[in-house]
C-alpha atoms as a PDB file:
ATOM      1  CA  MET A   1      47.033  48.549 -52.413  1.00  0.00           C
ATOM      2  CA  GLU A   2      44.375  47.500 -49.910  1.00  0.00           C
ATOM      3  CA  ASP A   3      42.346  49.987 -47.850  1.00  0.00           C
ATOM      4  CA  VAL A   4      44.277  49.220 -44.652  1.00  0.00           C
ATOM      5  CA  GLU A   5      47.576  49.788 -46.457  1.00  0.00           C
ATOM      6  CA  TYR A   6      46.314  53.128 -47.807  1.00  0.00           C
ATOM      7  CA  ALA A   7      45.421  54.246 -44.291  1.00  0.00           C
ATOM      8  CA  GLN A   8      48.812  53.115 -43.000  1.00  0.00           C
ATOM      9  CA  LEU A   9      50.582  55.019 -45.781  1.00  0.00           C
ATOM     10  CA  TYR A  10      48.802  58.226 -44.819  1.00  0.00           C
ATOM     11  CA  ASP A  11      49.487  57.573 -41.143  1.00  0.00           C
ATOM     12  CA  SER A  12      53.186  57.345 -42.014  1.00  0.00           C
ATOM     13  CA  ILE A  13      53.356  60.656 -43.924  1.00  0.00           C
ATOM     14  CA  VAL A  14      51.364  62.786 -41.495  1.00  0.00           C
ATOM     15  CA  ASP A  15      54.412  64.815 -40.406  1.00  0.00           C
ATOM     16  CA  SER A  16      55.769  65.471 -43.903  1.00  0.00           C
ATOM     17  CA  TYR A  17      52.588  65.894 -45.950  1.00  0.00           C
ATOM     18  CA  ASP A  18      52.001  69.611 -45.381  1.00  0.00           C
ATOM     19  CA  SER A  19      55.514  70.636 -46.407  1.00  0.00           C
ATOM     20  CA  GLY A  20      54.924  69.114 -49.822  1.00  0.00           C
ATOM     21  CA  PHE A  21      51.265  69.691 -50.565  1.00  0.00           C
ATOM     22  CA  ALA A  22      49.536  72.202 -48.258  1.00  0.00           C
ATOM     23  CA  HIS A  23      50.802  75.226 -50.212  1.00  0.00           C
ATOM     24  CA  ASN A  24      49.543  74.082 -53.612  1.00  0.00           C
ATOM     25  CA  PRO A  25      48.565  77.367 -55.376  1.00  0.00           C
ATOM     26  CA  GLY A  26      45.653  75.792 -57.249  1.00  0.00           C
ATOM     27  CA  LEU A  27      44.128  74.423 -54.064  1.00  0.00           C
ATOM     28  CA  LEU A  28      44.567  77.745 -52.271  1.00  0.00           C
ATOM     29  CA  ARG A  29      42.827  79.401 -55.210  1.00  0.00           C
ATOM     30  CA  LEU A  30      39.918  76.948 -54.921  1.00  0.00           C
ATOM     31  CA  ILE A  31      39.507  77.700 -51.212  1.00  0.00           C
ATOM     32  CA  GLU A  32      39.595  81.449 -51.842  1.00  0.00           C
ATOM     33  CA  LYS A  33      36.935  81.190 -54.545  1.00  0.00           C
ATOM     34  CA  ILE A  34      34.661  79.135 -52.288  1.00  0.00           C
ATOM     35  CA  ASN A  35      35.200  81.328 -49.240  1.00  0.00           C
ATOM     36  CA  SER A  36      33.966  84.343 -51.188  1.00  0.00           C
ATOM     37  CA  ARG A  37      30.742  82.499 -52.078  1.00  0.00           C
ATOM     38  CA  LEU A  38      29.840  81.198 -48.604  1.00  0.00           C
ATOM     39  CA  PRO A  39      27.275  82.645 -46.192  1.00  0.00           C
ATOM     40  CA  THR A  40      28.388  83.733 -42.726  1.00  0.00           C
ATOM     41  CA  SER A  41      29.117  80.809 -40.363  1.00  0.00           C
ATOM     42  CA  ALA A  42      28.598  78.249 -43.110  1.00  0.00           C
ATOM     43  CA  ASN A  43      28.554  74.515 -42.442  1.00  0.00           C
ATOM     44  CA  ILE A  44      31.548  72.875 -44.144  1.00  0.00           C
ATOM     45  CA  LEU A  45      32.167  69.160 -44.670  1.00  0.00           C
ATOM     46  CA  ASP A  46      35.759  68.265 -45.594  1.00  0.00           C
ATOM     47  CA  ILE A  47      35.753  64.664 -46.840  1.00  0.00           C
ATOM     48  CA  GLY A  48      39.268  63.272 -46.903  1.00  0.00           C
ATOM     49  CA  CYS A  49      40.463  66.125 -44.708  1.00  0.00           C
ATOM     50  CA  GLY A  50      44.053  64.919 -44.291  1.00  0.00           C
ATOM     51  CA  THR A  51      45.966  67.134 -41.854  1.00  0.00           C
ATOM     52  CA  GLY A  52      43.264  69.805 -41.931  1.00  0.00           C
ATOM     53  CA  ASN A  53      45.550  72.070 -43.959  1.00  0.00           C
ATOM     54  CA  PRO A  54      44.742  74.101 -45.902  1.00  0.00           C
ATOM     55  CA  VAL A  55      40.992  73.518 -46.389  1.00  0.00           C
ATOM     56  CA  SER A  56      39.599  73.085 -42.876  1.00  0.00           C
ATOM     57  CA  SER A  57      42.083  75.435 -41.224  1.00  0.00           C
ATOM     58  CA  THR A  58      41.422  78.298 -43.650  1.00  0.00           C
ATOM     59  CA  LEU A  59      37.644  77.980 -43.508  1.00  0.00           C
ATOM     60  CA  ALA A  60      37.542  77.616 -39.721  1.00  0.00           C
ATOM     61  CA  SER A  61      39.699  80.747 -39.435  1.00  0.00           C
ATOM     62  CA  SER A  62      37.081  82.523 -41.558  1.00  0.00           C
ATOM     63  CA  GLY A  63      34.402  81.727 -38.991  1.00  0.00           C
ATOM     64  CA  HIS A  64      32.839  78.686 -40.637  1.00  0.00           C
ATOM     65  CA  LYS A  65      31.809  75.480 -38.843  1.00  0.00           C
ATOM     66  CA  VAL A  66      33.951  72.621 -40.056  1.00  0.00           C
ATOM     67  CA  VAL A  67      33.493  68.862 -39.869  1.00  0.00           C
ATOM     68  CA  GLY A  68      36.252  66.705 -41.347  1.00  0.00           C
ATOM     69  CA  VAL A  69      36.401  63.000 -42.146  1.00  0.00           C
ATOM     70  CA  ASP A  70      39.444  60.866 -42.948  1.00  0.00           C
ATOM     71  CA  PHE A  71      40.255  57.161 -42.861  1.00  0.00           C
ATOM     72  CA  SER A  72      43.731  57.758 -41.367  1.00  0.00           C
ATOM     73  CA  PRO A  73      43.650  58.021 -37.549  1.00  0.00           C
ATOM     74  CA  GLU A  74      46.936  59.943 -37.526  1.00  0.00           C
ATOM     75  CA  MET A  75      45.614  62.464 -40.056  1.00  0.00           C
ATOM     76  CA  VAL A  76      42.482  62.998 -37.963  1.00  0.00           C
ATOM     77  CA  THR A  77      44.586  63.561 -34.841  1.00  0.00           C
ATOM     78  CA  MET A  78      46.685  66.108 -36.747  1.00  0.00           C
ATOM     79  CA  SER A  79      43.554  67.819 -38.105  1.00  0.00           C
ATOM     80  CA  GLN A  80      42.172  68.263 -34.619  1.00  0.00           C
ATOM     81  CA  LYS A  81      45.502  69.721 -33.506  1.00  0.00           C
ATOM     82  CA  ASN A  82      45.706  72.087 -36.484  1.00  0.00           C
ATOM     83  CA  VAL A  83      42.035  73.107 -36.346  1.00  0.00           C
ATOM     84  CA  PRO A  84      40.926  73.062 -32.682  1.00  0.00           C
ATOM     85  CA  LYS A  85      37.541  74.595 -33.510  1.00  0.00           C
ATOM     86  CA  GLY A  86      36.703  71.849 -36.004  1.00  0.00           C
ATOM     87  CA  LYS A  87      35.258  68.400 -35.417  1.00  0.00           C
ATOM     88  CA  PHE A  88      37.142  65.513 -37.016  1.00  0.00           C
ATOM     89  CA  LEU A  89      36.159  61.871 -37.354  1.00  0.00           C
ATOM     90  CA  VAL A  90      37.902  58.672 -38.400  1.00  0.00           C
ATOM     91  CA  ALA A  91      35.729  57.134 -41.110  1.00  0.00           C
ATOM     92  CA  ASP A  92      35.863  55.669 -44.595  1.00  0.00           C
ATOM     93  CA  MET A  93      34.144  58.194 -46.853  1.00  0.00           C
ATOM     94  CA  ARG A  94      32.273  55.370 -48.586  1.00  0.00           C
ATOM     95  CA  HIS A  95      30.444  54.502 -45.377  1.00  0.00           C
ATOM     96  CA  TYR A  96      30.206  57.863 -43.617  1.00  0.00           C
ATOM     97  CA  GLU A  97      26.704  59.248 -43.091  1.00  0.00           C
ATOM     98  CA  HIS A  98      26.355  62.958 -42.353  1.00  0.00           C
ATOM     99  CA  PRO A  99      23.724  64.095 -39.811  1.00  0.00           C
ATOM    100  CA  THR A 100      20.640  65.497 -41.533  1.00  0.00           C
ATOM    101  CA  THR A 101      20.407  68.175 -38.829  1.00  0.00           C
ATOM    102  CA  ALA A 102      23.488  70.000 -40.142  1.00  0.00           C
ATOM    103  CA  ARG A 103      23.262  70.155 -43.918  1.00  0.00           C
ATOM    104  CA  PRO A 104      26.509  71.449 -45.440  1.00  0.00           C
ATOM    105  CA  ASP A 105      26.696  74.704 -47.362  1.00  0.00           C
ATOM    106  CA  ALA A 106      29.841  73.335 -48.996  1.00  0.00           C
ATOM    107  CA  ILE A 107      31.415  69.902 -49.312  1.00  0.00           C
ATOM    108  CA  PHE A 108      35.088  69.511 -50.185  1.00  0.00           C
ATOM    109  CA  ASN A 109      36.689  66.388 -51.624  1.00  0.00           C
ATOM    110  CA  VAL A 110      40.326  67.244 -52.236  1.00  0.00           C
ATOM    111  CA  PHE A 111      42.632  64.670 -53.857  1.00  0.00           C
ATOM    112  CA  ALA A 112      40.808  61.953 -51.933  1.00  0.00           C
ATOM    113  CA  SER A 113      38.889  59.886 -54.489  1.00  0.00           C
ATOM    114  CA  PHE A 114      41.646  58.380 -56.656  1.00  0.00           C
ATOM    115  CA  ARG A 115      41.631  55.022 -54.863  1.00  0.00           C
ATOM    116  CA  LEU A 116      37.900  54.560 -55.385  1.00  0.00           C
ATOM    117  CA  ARG A 117      36.284  52.573 -58.159  1.00  0.00           C
ATOM    118  CA  ARG A 118      34.191  54.517 -60.681  1.00  0.00           C
ATOM    119  CA  GLU A 119      30.976  53.135 -59.230  1.00  0.00           C
ATOM    120  CA  GLU A 120      31.980  54.202 -55.711  1.00  0.00           C
ATOM    121  CA  THR A 121      32.656  57.773 -56.810  1.00  0.00           C
ATOM    122  CA  GLU A 122      29.329  57.884 -58.641  1.00  0.00           C
ATOM    123  CA  SER A 123      27.541  56.674 -55.508  1.00  0.00           C
ATOM    124  CA  LEU A 124      29.335  59.219 -53.325  1.00  0.00           C
ATOM    125  CA  VAL A 125      28.546  62.183 -55.566  1.00  0.00           C
ATOM    126  CA  ASN A 126      24.883  61.171 -55.425  1.00  0.00           C
ATOM    127  CA  LYS A 127      25.077  61.023 -51.631  1.00  0.00           C
ATOM    128  CA  TRP A 128      26.899  64.356 -51.327  1.00  0.00           C
ATOM    129  CA  ALA A 129      24.367  66.077 -53.560  1.00  0.00           C
ATOM    130  CA  GLY A 130      21.619  64.832 -51.270  1.00  0.00           C
ATOM    131  CA  TRP A 131      23.349  66.212 -48.183  1.00  0.00           C
ATOM    132  CA  LEU A 132      23.982  69.714 -49.550  1.00  0.00           C
ATOM    133  CA  ASN A 133      21.696  72.615 -48.821  1.00  0.00           C
ATOM    134  CA  PRO A 134      19.921  74.024 -51.903  1.00  0.00           C
ATOM    135  CA  ASN A 135      22.459  76.236 -53.717  1.00  0.00           C
ATOM    136  CA  GLY A 136      25.217  74.505 -51.734  1.00  0.00           C
ATOM    137  CA  LEU A 137      28.631  73.984 -53.322  1.00  0.00           C
ATOM    138  CA  LEU A 138      30.484  70.780 -54.114  1.00  0.00           C
ATOM    139  CA  CYS A 139      34.198  71.478 -54.409  1.00  0.00           C
ATOM    140  CA  ILE A 140      36.335  68.830 -56.086  1.00  0.00           C
ATOM    141  CA  ALA A 141      40.104  68.723 -56.515  1.00  0.00           C
ATOM    142  CA  THR A 142      41.158  65.772 -58.633  1.00  0.00           C
ATOM    143  CA  MET A 143      42.889  64.872 -61.893  1.00  0.00           C
ATOM    144  CA  ALA A 144      41.077  64.370 -65.192  1.00  0.00           C
ATOM    145  CA  ALA A 145      42.153  61.402 -67.290  1.00  0.00           C
ATOM    146  CA  ASP A 146      42.287  63.464 -70.479  1.00  0.00           C
ATOM    147  CA  ASP A 147      44.722  65.924 -68.869  1.00  0.00           C
ATOM    148  CA  CYS A 148      47.194  63.167 -67.942  1.00  0.00           C
ATOM    149  CA  PRO A 149      49.982  61.856 -70.193  1.00  0.00           C
ATOM    150  CA  GLN A 150      48.119  59.229 -72.180  1.00  0.00           C
ATOM    151  CA  ASP A 151      50.946  56.689 -71.923  1.00  0.00           C
ATOM    152  CA  ARG A 152      50.165  56.419 -68.212  1.00  0.00           C
ATOM    153  CA  ILE A 153      46.682  55.058 -68.926  1.00  0.00           C
ATOM    154  CA  GLU A 154      46.585  51.271 -68.836  1.00  0.00           C
ATOM    155  CA  ASN A 155      43.707  49.400 -70.514  1.00  0.00           C
ATOM    156  CA  GLY A 156      42.294  52.591 -72.047  1.00  0.00           C
ATOM    157  CA  TYR A 157      38.953  54.174 -71.224  1.00  0.00           C
ATOM    158  CA  ASP A 158      35.558  52.711 -70.402  1.00  0.00           C
ATOM    159  CA  PRO A 159      33.335  52.171 -73.484  1.00  0.00           C
ATOM    160  CA  ASP A 160      31.532  55.479 -72.869  1.00  0.00           C
ATOM    161  CA  GLY A 161      34.865  57.325 -72.818  1.00  0.00           C
ATOM    162  CA  LEU A 162      34.108  58.983 -69.474  1.00  0.00           C
ATOM    163  CA  CYS A 163      36.547  57.206 -67.155  1.00  0.00           C
ATOM    164  CA  ALA A 164      39.947  55.495 -67.103  1.00  0.00           C
ATOM    165  CA  ARG A 165      40.309  52.903 -64.359  1.00  0.00           C
ATOM    166  CA  ALA A 166      44.092  52.461 -64.236  1.00  0.00           C
ATOM    167  CA  VAL A 167      46.174  55.624 -64.544  1.00  0.00           C
ATOM    168  CA  ARG A 168      49.751  55.273 -63.259  1.00  0.00           C
ATOM    169  CA  GLN A 169      50.787  57.932 -60.765  1.00  0.00           C
ATOM    170  CA  ARG A 170      53.719  58.017 -58.357  1.00  0.00           C
ATOM    171  CA  PHE A 171      52.972  59.401 -54.885  1.00  0.00           C
ATOM    172  CA  MET A 172      55.357  59.523 -51.921  1.00  0.00           C
ATOM    173  CA  GLY A 173      57.582  56.828 -53.386  1.00  0.00           C
ATOM    174  CA  ASN A 174      54.735  54.463 -54.270  1.00  0.00           C
ATOM    175  CA  GLU A 175      53.297  53.551 -57.691  1.00  0.00           C
ATOM    176  CA  PHE A 176      49.496  53.622 -57.850  1.00  0.00           C
ATOM    177  CA  ARG A 177      46.855  52.797 -60.424  1.00  0.00           C
ATOM    178  CA  HIS A 178      44.228  55.495 -60.012  1.00  0.00           C
ATOM    179  CA  THR A 179      40.689  55.760 -61.311  1.00  0.00           C
ATOM    180  CA  MET A 180      40.130  59.065 -63.107  1.00  0.00           C
ATOM    181  CA  PHE A 181      37.091  60.515 -64.822  1.00  0.00           C
ATOM    182  CA  THR A 182      37.555  62.674 -67.895  1.00  0.00           C
ATOM    183  CA  ARG A 183      36.495  66.309 -67.767  1.00  0.00           C
ATOM    184  CA  ARG A 184      33.313  65.378 -69.611  1.00  0.00           C
ATOM    185  CA  GLY A 185      32.851  62.465 -67.242  1.00  0.00           C
ATOM    186  CA  TRP A 186      32.838  64.812 -64.258  1.00  0.00           C
ATOM    187  CA  THR A 187      30.400  67.218 -65.908  1.00  0.00           C
ATOM    188  CA  ASP A 188      28.077  64.356 -66.802  1.00  0.00           C
ATOM    189  CA  LEU A 189      28.207  62.872 -63.295  1.00  0.00           C
ATOM    190  CA  LEU A 190      27.532  66.207 -61.625  1.00  0.00           C
ATOM    191  CA  GLN A 191      24.671  67.131 -63.946  1.00  0.00           C
ATOM    192  CA  ARG A 192      22.981  63.783 -63.300  1.00  0.00           C
ATOM    193  CA  ASN A 193      22.927  64.731 -59.618  1.00  0.00           C
ATOM    194  CA  ASN A 194      21.440  68.238 -59.971  1.00  0.00           C
ATOM    195  CA  LEU A 195      24.850  69.888 -59.696  1.00  0.00           C
ATOM    196  CA  GLU A 196      25.777  72.602 -62.184  1.00  0.00           C
ATOM    197  CA  VAL A 197      29.450  73.291 -62.846  1.00  0.00           C
ATOM    198  CA  VAL A 198      30.036  76.942 -61.957  1.00  0.00           C
ATOM    199  CA  GLU A 199      33.744  76.950 -62.703  1.00  0.00           C
ATOM    200  CA  SER A 200      36.486  74.458 -63.526  1.00  0.00           C
ATOM    201  CA  TRP A 201      40.146  74.741 -64.421  1.00  0.00           C
ATOM    202  CA  MET A 202      43.406  72.792 -64.554  1.00  0.00           C
ATOM    203  CA  GLU A 203      46.714  73.776 -62.964  1.00  0.00           C
ATOM    204  CA  ILE A 204      50.029  71.946 -63.060  1.00  0.00           C
ATOM    205  CA  PHE A 205      51.549  71.297 -59.640  1.00  0.00           C
ATOM    206  CA  VAL A 206      55.210  70.360 -59.211  1.00  0.00           C
ATOM    207  CA  PRO A 207      55.809  68.899 -55.740  1.00  0.00           C
ATOM    208  CA  PRO A 208      59.195  69.245 -54.030  1.00  0.00           C
ATOM    209  CA  GLY A 209      61.684  66.598 -55.120  1.00  0.00           C
ATOM    210  CA  SER A 210      61.848  65.236 -51.586  1.00  0.00           C
ATOM    211  CA  MET A 211      58.215  64.096 -51.916  1.00  0.00           C
ATOM    212  CA  ASP A 212      59.137  61.531 -54.642  1.00  0.00           C
ATOM    213  CA  THR A 213      55.838  62.309 -56.384  1.00  0.00           C
ATOM    214  CA  ASP A 214      54.952  62.847 -60.042  1.00  0.00           C
ATOM    215  CA  ASP A 215      54.049  66.296 -61.306  1.00  0.00           C
ATOM    216  CA  ALA A 216      50.272  66.553 -61.446  1.00  0.00           C
ATOM    217  CA  ARG A 217      47.749  68.270 -63.679  1.00  0.00           C
ATOM    218  CA  PHE A 218      45.154  68.952 -61.021  1.00  0.00           C
ATOM    219  CA  PHE A 219      41.586  69.597 -62.101  1.00  0.00           C
ATOM    220  CA  TYR A 220      39.427  71.830 -59.885  1.00  0.00           C
ATOM    221  CA  ILE A 221      35.633  71.912 -59.998  1.00  0.00           C
ATOM    222  CA  ILE A 222      33.086  74.143 -58.272  1.00  0.00           C
ATOM    223  CA  ALA A 223      29.535  72.870 -58.712  1.00  0.00           C
ATOM    224  CA  ARG A 224      26.318  74.318 -57.300  1.00  0.00           C
ATOM    225  CA  LYS A 225      23.283  72.304 -56.243  1.00  0.00           C
ATOM    226  CA  GLY A 226      19.961  73.339 -57.764  1.00  0.00           C
ATOM    227  CA  GLU A 227      17.032  74.664 -55.769  1.00  0.00           C
END
């Protein structure tokens, strides 16, 4: 699926997305863990913010300053409606440049990197690490290739064993081929960018049947930038 088609898909599900995915217990747990680690009035960057729920809305309600970015215009409009105190921008995360005057204390990327090639994700993690304040947190919600049913992986893993580039996953009635790092692949990528994994865990999420979406073994990562 091309980038424009991805954006159009997310435009089309803006009204139904939250009912299926905004109450994911694992994601709510991630937000709670991060919120307890943040300074007062922290700067938050939500990359791939979707509707603004639950990441931006929860953190803005806690008094933090939120900026969100998404490539779907309809999602950005909904984010601004759901989180009036936040600032939301239409942008492709691969090309977005964050102002150096407002370094984030935490960056979230929640279920928003599957469509990217391995090399694009590697480039983005390097960029995000550069934006973060020292001791800032990178918060990733994704799926790890080694947690997925292995019969969904087409063409196997890269030679280094750290990434699978075609993992079948059904989402909102559409079949996708996603790029997924392994757990070790994520740890390696983060460490190469001065980010230490503070905590990681996997939780199975079963979306409502009306979402026509595969069950998912979501992998959550909290990583801290070095001094």
